[in-house]
Amino acid sequence: MSPETMDRIAAIAGVVLTLAIFSYLLADNFLYRLAVHALVGAAAGFALITAVESIVIPWLNQTILAQPMQPARLVLGAIPFLIGLLLLLRSTRGRLGMLGTFGLALVLGVGVGIAVWGAVTGTLIPLIEGTIRGWTPLNIVDGFIVLAGTVTVLLYFTYIGSRRPDGEARMWLPIRVSGRIGQAFIAVTMGAAYGLLILSSLTVLTSVIADRLLGLGR
């Protein structure tokens, strides 16, 4: 089969799958579920192949299969596979399942620690520094909006209050009012992000359809 024929088949398949996905706007149907299953299956297969070729095989070549063989290198190379085995044991019952819990706790602990450190050093601190640098007399209104939005959004996720004699917990009035303002900031931000996402999706869709139609016309 020639490359031109393969490109034409791929173009037709892309158009059919795109229309099948958009058929969900009418109702949940068989074509939509078939397209979603094909997308998930292709993505899972691609992720598996990429992980094996880009992570597992290079790791084995640099640790366990590297020459000359060294005990420290063998132990280091076996650690990820040991953790993976513990995670597989998580699906069993009894004492083996408890070992799987240890592997899950190890993965979650390391992941949370790395995520928190990355969020603080890569997001929170740069945002604070950028806000401080941008606070000038020329854009004091913008700086005040940024500061008010940041503080009120943080207060929206703060659960500080007092408990009444009847047992009902009630937040303090300043925090409750600030939380409402933070909720408004969140709503505006999510609406703007959703609108930009729709515009980007429509732009990509029109460009893909145009490319496919041009490809079919050649």
C-alpha atoms as a PDB file:
ATOM      1  CA  MET A   1       0.000   0.000   0.000  1.00  0.00           C
ATOM      2  CA  SER A   2       1.432   3.351  -1.037  1.00  0.00           C
ATOM      3  CA  PRO A   3       2.073   6.219   1.412  1.00  0.00           C
ATOM      4  CA  GLU A   4      -0.520   8.366  -0.381  1.00  0.00           C
ATOM      5  CA  THR A   5      -3.177   5.717   0.221  1.00  0.00           C
ATOM      6  CA  MET A   6      -2.201   5.433   3.879  1.00  0.00           C
ATOM      7  CA  ASP A   7      -2.432   9.213   4.288  1.00  0.00           C
ATOM      8  CA  ARG A   8      -5.866   9.222   2.668  1.00  0.00           C
ATOM      9  CA  ILE A   9      -7.099   6.420   4.938  1.00  0.00           C
ATOM     10  CA  ALA A  10      -5.730   8.236   7.986  1.00  0.00           C
ATOM     11  CA  ALA A  11      -7.491  11.451   6.899  1.00  0.00           C
ATOM     12  CA  ILE A  12     -10.818   9.656   6.483  1.00  0.00           C
ATOM     13  CA  ALA A  13     -10.422   7.901   9.847  1.00  0.00           C
ATOM     14  CA  GLY A  14      -9.609  11.221  11.534  1.00  0.00           C
ATOM     15  CA  VAL A  15     -12.723  12.872  10.109  1.00  0.00           C
ATOM     16  CA  VAL A  16     -14.944   9.924  11.072  1.00  0.00           C
ATOM     17  CA  LEU A  17     -13.607   9.771  14.651  1.00  0.00           C
ATOM     18  CA  THR A  18     -13.938  13.544  15.034  1.00  0.00           C
ATOM     19  CA  LEU A  19     -17.571  13.457  13.923  1.00  0.00           C
ATOM     20  CA  ALA A  20     -18.201  10.454  16.191  1.00  0.00           C
ATOM     21  CA  ILE A  21     -16.884  12.391  19.188  1.00  0.00           C
ATOM     22  CA  PHE A  22     -19.014  15.413  18.363  1.00  0.00           C
ATOM     23  CA  SER A  23     -22.103  13.192  18.005  1.00  0.00           C
ATOM     24  CA  TYR A  24     -22.207  13.189  21.813  1.00  0.00           C
ATOM     25  CA  LEU A  25     -23.682  16.685  21.551  1.00  0.00           C
ATOM     26  CA  LEU A  26     -26.845  15.050  20.203  1.00  0.00           C
ATOM     27  CA  ALA A  27     -27.003  12.067  22.568  1.00  0.00           C
ATOM     28  CA  ASP A  28     -24.908   9.304  24.074  1.00  0.00           C
ATOM     29  CA  ASN A  29     -24.581   6.777  21.255  1.00  0.00           C
ATOM     30  CA  PHE A  30     -22.576   3.806  20.074  1.00  0.00           C
ATOM     31  CA  LEU A  31     -20.342   5.801  17.721  1.00  0.00           C
ATOM     32  CA  TYR A  32     -19.254   8.114  20.535  1.00  0.00           C
ATOM     33  CA  ARG A  33     -18.429   5.211  22.864  1.00  0.00           C
ATOM     34  CA  LEU A  34     -16.542   3.429  20.074  1.00  0.00           C
ATOM     35  CA  ALA A  35     -14.456   6.533  19.361  1.00  0.00           C
ATOM     36  CA  VAL A  36     -13.717   7.067  23.069  1.00  0.00           C
ATOM     37  CA  HIS A  37     -12.647   3.431  23.501  1.00  0.00           C
ATOM     38  CA  ALA A  38     -10.400   3.683  20.450  1.00  0.00           C
ATOM     39  CA  LEU A  39      -8.859   6.899  21.789  1.00  0.00           C
ATOM     40  CA  VAL A  40      -8.266   5.471  25.260  1.00  0.00           C
ATOM     41  CA  GLY A  41      -6.863   2.223  23.894  1.00  0.00           C
ATOM     42  CA  ALA A  42      -4.513   3.989  21.493  1.00  0.00           C
ATOM     43  CA  ALA A  43      -3.368   6.380  24.227  1.00  0.00           C
ATOM     44  CA  ALA A  44      -2.761   3.510  26.672  1.00  0.00           C
ATOM     45  CA  GLY A  45      -0.804   1.523  24.091  1.00  0.00           C
ATOM     46  CA  PHE A  46       1.262   4.553  23.117  1.00  0.00           C
ATOM     47  CA  ALA A  47       1.977   5.354  26.781  1.00  0.00           C
ATOM     48  CA  LEU A  48       3.046   1.757  27.439  1.00  0.00           C
ATOM     49  CA  ILE A  49       5.368   1.610  24.437  1.00  0.00           C
ATOM     50  CA  THR A  50       6.837   5.013  25.283  1.00  0.00           C
ATOM     51  CA  ALA A  51       7.419   4.022  28.906  1.00  0.00           C
ATOM     52  CA  VAL A  52       9.130   0.770  27.951  1.00  0.00           C
ATOM     53  CA  GLU A  53      11.347   2.291  25.258  1.00  0.00           C
ATOM     54  CA  SER A  54      12.149   5.580  27.002  1.00  0.00           C
ATOM     55  CA  ILE A  55      12.276   4.572  30.683  1.00  0.00           C
ATOM     56  CA  VAL A  56      12.438   0.841  31.383  1.00  0.00           C
ATOM     57  CA  ILE A  57      14.979  -0.230  28.748  1.00  0.00           C
ATOM     58  CA  PRO A  58      17.398   2.708  29.346  1.00  0.00           C
ATOM     59  CA  TRP A  59      17.126   2.150  33.117  1.00  0.00           C
ATOM     60  CA  LEU A  60      17.987  -1.542  32.717  1.00  0.00           C
ATOM     61  CA  ASN A  61      20.902  -0.747  30.412  1.00  0.00           C
ATOM     62  CA  GLN A  62      22.337   1.813  32.840  1.00  0.00           C
ATOM     63  CA  THR A  63      21.885  -0.229  36.037  1.00  0.00           C
ATOM     64  CA  ILE A  64      21.234  -3.974  35.989  1.00  0.00           C
ATOM     65  CA  LEU A  65      22.624  -4.792  32.527  1.00  0.00           C
ATOM     66  CA  ALA A  66      25.533  -2.344  32.676  1.00  0.00           C
ATOM     67  CA  GLN A  67      29.052  -3.732  32.523  1.00  0.00           C
ATOM     68  CA  PRO A  68      30.984  -4.289  34.694  1.00  0.00           C
ATOM     69  CA  MET A  69      28.336  -5.475  37.120  1.00  0.00           C
ATOM     70  CA  GLN A  70      28.412  -3.786  40.539  1.00  0.00           C
ATOM     71  CA  PRO A  71      26.286  -4.732  43.590  1.00  0.00           C
ATOM     72  CA  ALA A  72      25.335  -1.136  44.342  1.00  0.00           C
ATOM     73  CA  ARG A  73      24.195  -0.595  40.778  1.00  0.00           C
ATOM     74  CA  LEU A  74      22.158  -3.814  40.826  1.00  0.00           C
ATOM     75  CA  VAL A  75      20.394  -2.789  44.043  1.00  0.00           C
ATOM     76  CA  LEU A  76      19.654   0.673  42.673  1.00  0.00           C
ATOM     77  CA  GLY A  77      18.261  -0.766  39.462  1.00  0.00           C
ATOM     78  CA  ALA A  78      16.036  -3.258  41.299  1.00  0.00           C
ATOM     79  CA  ILE A  79      14.379  -0.666  43.581  1.00  0.00           C
ATOM     80  CA  PRO A  80      11.754   0.566  41.039  1.00  0.00           C
ATOM     81  CA  PHE A  81      10.813  -3.012  40.132  1.00  0.00           C
ATOM     82  CA  LEU A  82      10.528  -3.912  43.820  1.00  0.00           C
ATOM     83  CA  ILE A  83       8.171  -0.987  44.387  1.00  0.00           C
ATOM     84  CA  GLY A  84       6.161  -2.059  41.349  1.00  0.00           C
ATOM     85  CA  LEU A  85       5.899  -5.588  42.771  1.00  0.00           C
ATOM     86  CA  LEU A  86       4.658  -4.160  46.067  1.00  0.00           C
ATOM     87  CA  LEU A  87       2.001  -2.175  44.213  1.00  0.00           C
ATOM     88  CA  LEU A  88       0.870  -5.338  42.428  1.00  0.00           C
ATOM     89  CA  LEU A  89       0.570  -7.090  45.792  1.00  0.00           C
ATOM     90  CA  ARG A  90      -1.806  -4.321  46.854  1.00  0.00           C
ATOM     91  CA  SER A  91      -4.580  -6.107  44.942  1.00  0.00           C
ATOM     92  CA  THR A  92      -4.185  -9.278  47.033  1.00  0.00           C
ATOM     93  CA  ARG A  93      -5.481 -10.022  50.523  1.00  0.00           C
ATOM     94  CA  GLY A  94      -3.758 -10.879  53.756  1.00  0.00           C
ATOM     95  CA  ARG A  95      -0.176 -10.059  54.626  1.00  0.00           C
ATOM     96  CA  LEU A  96       0.832  -9.624  51.013  1.00  0.00           C
ATOM     97  CA  GLY A  97      -1.756  -6.865  50.711  1.00  0.00           C
ATOM     98  CA  MET A  98      -0.188  -5.124  53.715  1.00  0.00           C
ATOM     99  CA  LEU A  99       3.145  -5.124  51.884  1.00  0.00           C
ATOM    100  CA  GLY A 100       1.375  -3.512  48.950  1.00  0.00           C
ATOM    101  CA  THR A 101       0.123  -0.790  51.283  1.00  0.00           C
ATOM    102  CA  PHE A 102       3.736  -0.017  52.184  1.00  0.00           C
ATOM    103  CA  GLY A 103       4.615   0.392  48.512  1.00  0.00           C
ATOM    104  CA  LEU A 104       1.618   2.646  47.948  1.00  0.00           C
ATOM    105  CA  ALA A 105       2.531   4.782  50.967  1.00  0.00           C
ATOM    106  CA  LEU A 106       6.101   5.081  49.690  1.00  0.00           C
ATOM    107  CA  VAL A 107       5.003   6.194  46.232  1.00  0.00           C
ATOM    108  CA  LEU A 108       2.426   8.648  47.572  1.00  0.00           C
ATOM    109  CA  GLY A 109       4.836  10.083  50.142  1.00  0.00           C
ATOM    110  CA  VAL A 110       7.578  10.696  47.606  1.00  0.00           C
ATOM    111  CA  GLY A 111       5.109  12.040  45.051  1.00  0.00           C
ATOM    112  CA  VAL A 112       3.462  14.435  47.486  1.00  0.00           C
ATOM    113  CA  GLY A 113       6.815  15.669  48.755  1.00  0.00           C
ATOM    114  CA  ILE A 114       8.066  16.369  45.229  1.00  0.00           C
ATOM    115  CA  ALA A 115       4.762  18.004  44.242  1.00  0.00           C
ATOM    116  CA  VAL A 116       4.709  20.300  47.264  1.00  0.00           C
ATOM    117  CA  TRP A 117       8.350  21.305  46.803  1.00  0.00           C
ATOM    118  CA  GLY A 118       7.795  21.952  43.107  1.00  0.00           C
ATOM    119  CA  ALA A 119       4.625  23.960  43.749  1.00  0.00           C
ATOM    120  CA  VAL A 120       6.319  26.137  46.367  1.00  0.00           C
ATOM    121  CA  THR A 121       9.578  26.764  44.502  1.00  0.00           C
ATOM    122  CA  GLY A 122       8.198  26.764  40.964  1.00  0.00           C
ATOM    123  CA  THR A 123       4.809  28.432  41.353  1.00  0.00           C
ATOM    124  CA  LEU A 124       4.138  30.100  44.702  1.00  0.00           C
ATOM    125  CA  ILE A 125       7.456  31.909  45.199  1.00  0.00           C
ATOM    126  CA  PRO A 126       7.682  33.174  41.570  1.00  0.00           C
ATOM    127  CA  LEU A 127       4.079  34.421  41.778  1.00  0.00           C
ATOM    128  CA  ILE A 128       4.822  36.303  44.991  1.00  0.00           C
ATOM    129  CA  GLU A 129       7.969  37.822  43.507  1.00  0.00           C
ATOM    130  CA  GLY A 130       6.155  38.817  40.314  1.00  0.00           C
ATOM    131  CA  THR A 131       3.322  40.401  42.277  1.00  0.00           C
ATOM    132  CA  ILE A 132       5.761  42.396  44.395  1.00  0.00           C
ATOM    133  CA  ARG A 133       7.690  43.610  41.337  1.00  0.00           C
ATOM    134  CA  GLY A 134       4.469  44.600  39.577  1.00  0.00           C
ATOM    135  CA  TRP A 135       3.239  46.727  42.503  1.00  0.00           C
ATOM    136  CA  THR A 136       4.058  50.212  41.227  1.00  0.00           C
ATOM    137  CA  PRO A 137       2.184  53.550  41.406  1.00  0.00           C
ATOM    138  CA  LEU A 138       1.320  53.253  37.697  1.00  0.00           C
ATOM    139  CA  ASN A 139      -0.624  49.980  38.062  1.00  0.00           C
ATOM    140  CA  ILE A 140      -1.737  50.136  41.647  1.00  0.00           C
ATOM    141  CA  VAL A 141      -5.290  49.123  40.660  1.00  0.00           C
ATOM    142  CA  ASP A 142      -4.079  45.945  38.922  1.00  0.00           C
ATOM    143  CA  GLY A 143      -1.854  45.115  41.863  1.00  0.00           C
ATOM    144  CA  PHE A 144      -4.721  45.626  44.300  1.00  0.00           C
ATOM    145  CA  ILE A 145      -6.990  43.320  42.242  1.00  0.00           C
ATOM    146  CA  VAL A 146      -4.314  40.628  42.142  1.00  0.00           C
ATOM    147  CA  LEU A 147      -3.702  40.918  45.870  1.00  0.00           C
ATOM    148  CA  ALA A 148      -7.414  40.924  46.719  1.00  0.00           C
ATOM    149  CA  GLY A 149      -8.066  37.942  44.460  1.00  0.00           C
ATOM    150  CA  THR A 150      -5.216  35.919  45.939  1.00  0.00           C
ATOM    151  CA  VAL A 151      -6.177  36.628  49.544  1.00  0.00           C
ATOM    152  CA  THR A 152      -9.913  36.061  49.099  1.00  0.00           C
ATOM    153  CA  VAL A 153      -9.413  32.823  47.158  1.00  0.00           C
ATOM    154  CA  LEU A 154      -7.150  31.514  49.914  1.00  0.00           C
ATOM    155  CA  LEU A 155      -9.775  32.523  52.497  1.00  0.00           C
ATOM    156  CA  TYR A 156     -12.418  30.679  50.461  1.00  0.00           C
ATOM    157  CA  PHE A 157     -10.545  27.439  51.168  1.00  0.00           C
ATOM    158  CA  THR A 158     -10.059  28.301  54.840  1.00  0.00           C
ATOM    159  CA  TYR A 159     -12.317  26.569  57.356  1.00  0.00           C
ATOM    160  CA  ILE A 160     -12.028  28.757  60.440  1.00  0.00           C
ATOM    161  CA  GLY A 161     -15.109  29.296  62.531  1.00  0.00           C
ATOM    162  CA  SER A 162     -16.770  28.804  65.847  1.00  0.00           C
ATOM    163  CA  ARG A 163     -19.071  26.095  67.108  1.00  0.00           C
ATOM    164  CA  ARG A 164     -22.396  27.128  68.581  1.00  0.00           C
ATOM    165  CA  PRO A 165     -23.862  25.573  71.730  1.00  0.00           C
ATOM    166  CA  ASP A 166     -26.228  23.522  69.573  1.00  0.00           C
ATOM    167  CA  GLY A 167     -23.220  21.955  67.802  1.00  0.00           C
ATOM    168  CA  GLU A 168     -23.518  23.828  64.505  1.00  0.00           C
ATOM    169  CA  ALA A 169     -20.248  25.208  63.105  1.00  0.00           C
ATOM    170  CA  ARG A 170     -20.416  28.694  61.687  1.00  0.00           C
ATOM    171  CA  MET A 171     -17.685  30.689  60.003  1.00  0.00           C
ATOM    172  CA  TRP A 172     -16.882  34.197  61.131  1.00  0.00           C
ATOM    173  CA  LEU A 173     -18.532  36.966  59.135  1.00  0.00           C
ATOM    174  CA  PRO A 174     -15.313  38.548  57.686  1.00  0.00           C
ATOM    175  CA  ILE A 175     -14.050  35.172  56.506  1.00  0.00           C
ATOM    176  CA  ARG A 176     -17.451  34.261  55.092  1.00  0.00           C
ATOM    177  CA  VAL A 177     -17.707  37.523  53.152  1.00  0.00           C
ATOM    178  CA  SER A 178     -14.115  37.221  51.905  1.00  0.00           C
ATOM    179  CA  GLY A 179     -14.812  33.659  50.857  1.00  0.00           C
ATOM    180  CA  ARG A 180     -17.779  34.810  48.782  1.00  0.00           C
ATOM    181  CA  ILE A 181     -15.570  37.346  47.025  1.00  0.00           C
ATOM    182  CA  GLY A 182     -12.954  34.641  46.429  1.00  0.00           C
ATOM    183  CA  GLN A 183     -15.670  32.393  45.008  1.00  0.00           C
ATOM    184  CA  ALA A 184     -16.560  35.168  42.551  1.00  0.00           C
ATOM    185  CA  PHE A 185     -12.894  35.429  41.502  1.00  0.00           C
ATOM    186  CA  ILE A 186     -12.798  31.656  40.958  1.00  0.00           C
ATOM    187  CA  ALA A 187     -15.988  31.764  38.885  1.00  0.00           C
ATOM    188  CA  VAL A 188     -14.646  34.542  36.649  1.00  0.00           C
ATOM    189  CA  THR A 189     -11.323  32.746  36.204  1.00  0.00           C
ATOM    190  CA  MET A 190     -12.935  29.408  35.379  1.00  0.00           C
ATOM    191  CA  GLY A 191     -15.340  31.075  32.954  1.00  0.00           C
ATOM    192  CA  ALA A 192     -12.518  32.836  31.130  1.00  0.00           C
ATOM    193  CA  ALA A 193     -10.460  29.625  31.003  1.00  0.00           C
ATOM    194  CA  TYR A 194     -13.462  27.665  29.712  1.00  0.00           C
ATOM    195  CA  GLY A 195     -14.128  30.263  27.025  1.00  0.00           C
ATOM    196  CA  LEU A 196     -10.497  30.180  25.879  1.00  0.00           C
ATOM    197  CA  LEU A 197     -10.619  26.378  25.824  1.00  0.00           C
ATOM    198  CA  ILE A 198     -13.711  26.386  23.617  1.00  0.00           C
ATOM    199  CA  LEU A 199     -12.160  28.915  21.227  1.00  0.00           C
ATOM    200  CA  SER A 200      -8.945  26.888  21.038  1.00  0.00           C
ATOM    201  CA  SER A 201     -10.869  23.660  20.426  1.00  0.00           C
ATOM    202  CA  LEU A 202     -12.945  25.246  17.657  1.00  0.00           C
ATOM    203  CA  THR A 203      -9.796  26.648  16.053  1.00  0.00           C
ATOM    204  CA  VAL A 204      -8.116  23.241  16.105  1.00  0.00           C
ATOM    205  CA  LEU A 205     -11.266  21.546  14.803  1.00  0.00           C
ATOM    206  CA  THR A 206     -11.655  23.922  11.864  1.00  0.00           C
ATOM    207  CA  SER A 207      -7.979  23.608  10.948  1.00  0.00           C
ATOM    208  CA  VAL A 208      -8.128  19.797  11.116  1.00  0.00           C
ATOM    209  CA  ILE A 209     -11.298  19.633   9.016  1.00  0.00           C
ATOM    210  CA  ALA A 210      -9.792  22.020   6.472  1.00  0.00           C
ATOM    211  CA  ASP A 211      -6.598  19.957   6.247  1.00  0.00           C
ATOM    212  CA  ARG A 212      -8.577  16.726   5.895  1.00  0.00           C
ATOM    213  CA  LEU A 213     -10.817  18.160   3.168  1.00  0.00           C
ATOM    214  CA  LEU A 214      -7.821  19.513   1.289  1.00  0.00           C
ATOM    215  CA  GLY A 215      -6.115  16.139   1.682  1.00  0.00           C
ATOM    216  CA  LEU A 216      -9.149  14.290   0.306  1.00  0.00           C
ATOM    217  CA  GLY A 217      -9.378  16.667  -2.646  1.00  0.00           C
ATOM    218  CA  ARG A 218      -5.859  16.011  -3.827  1.00  0.00           C
END
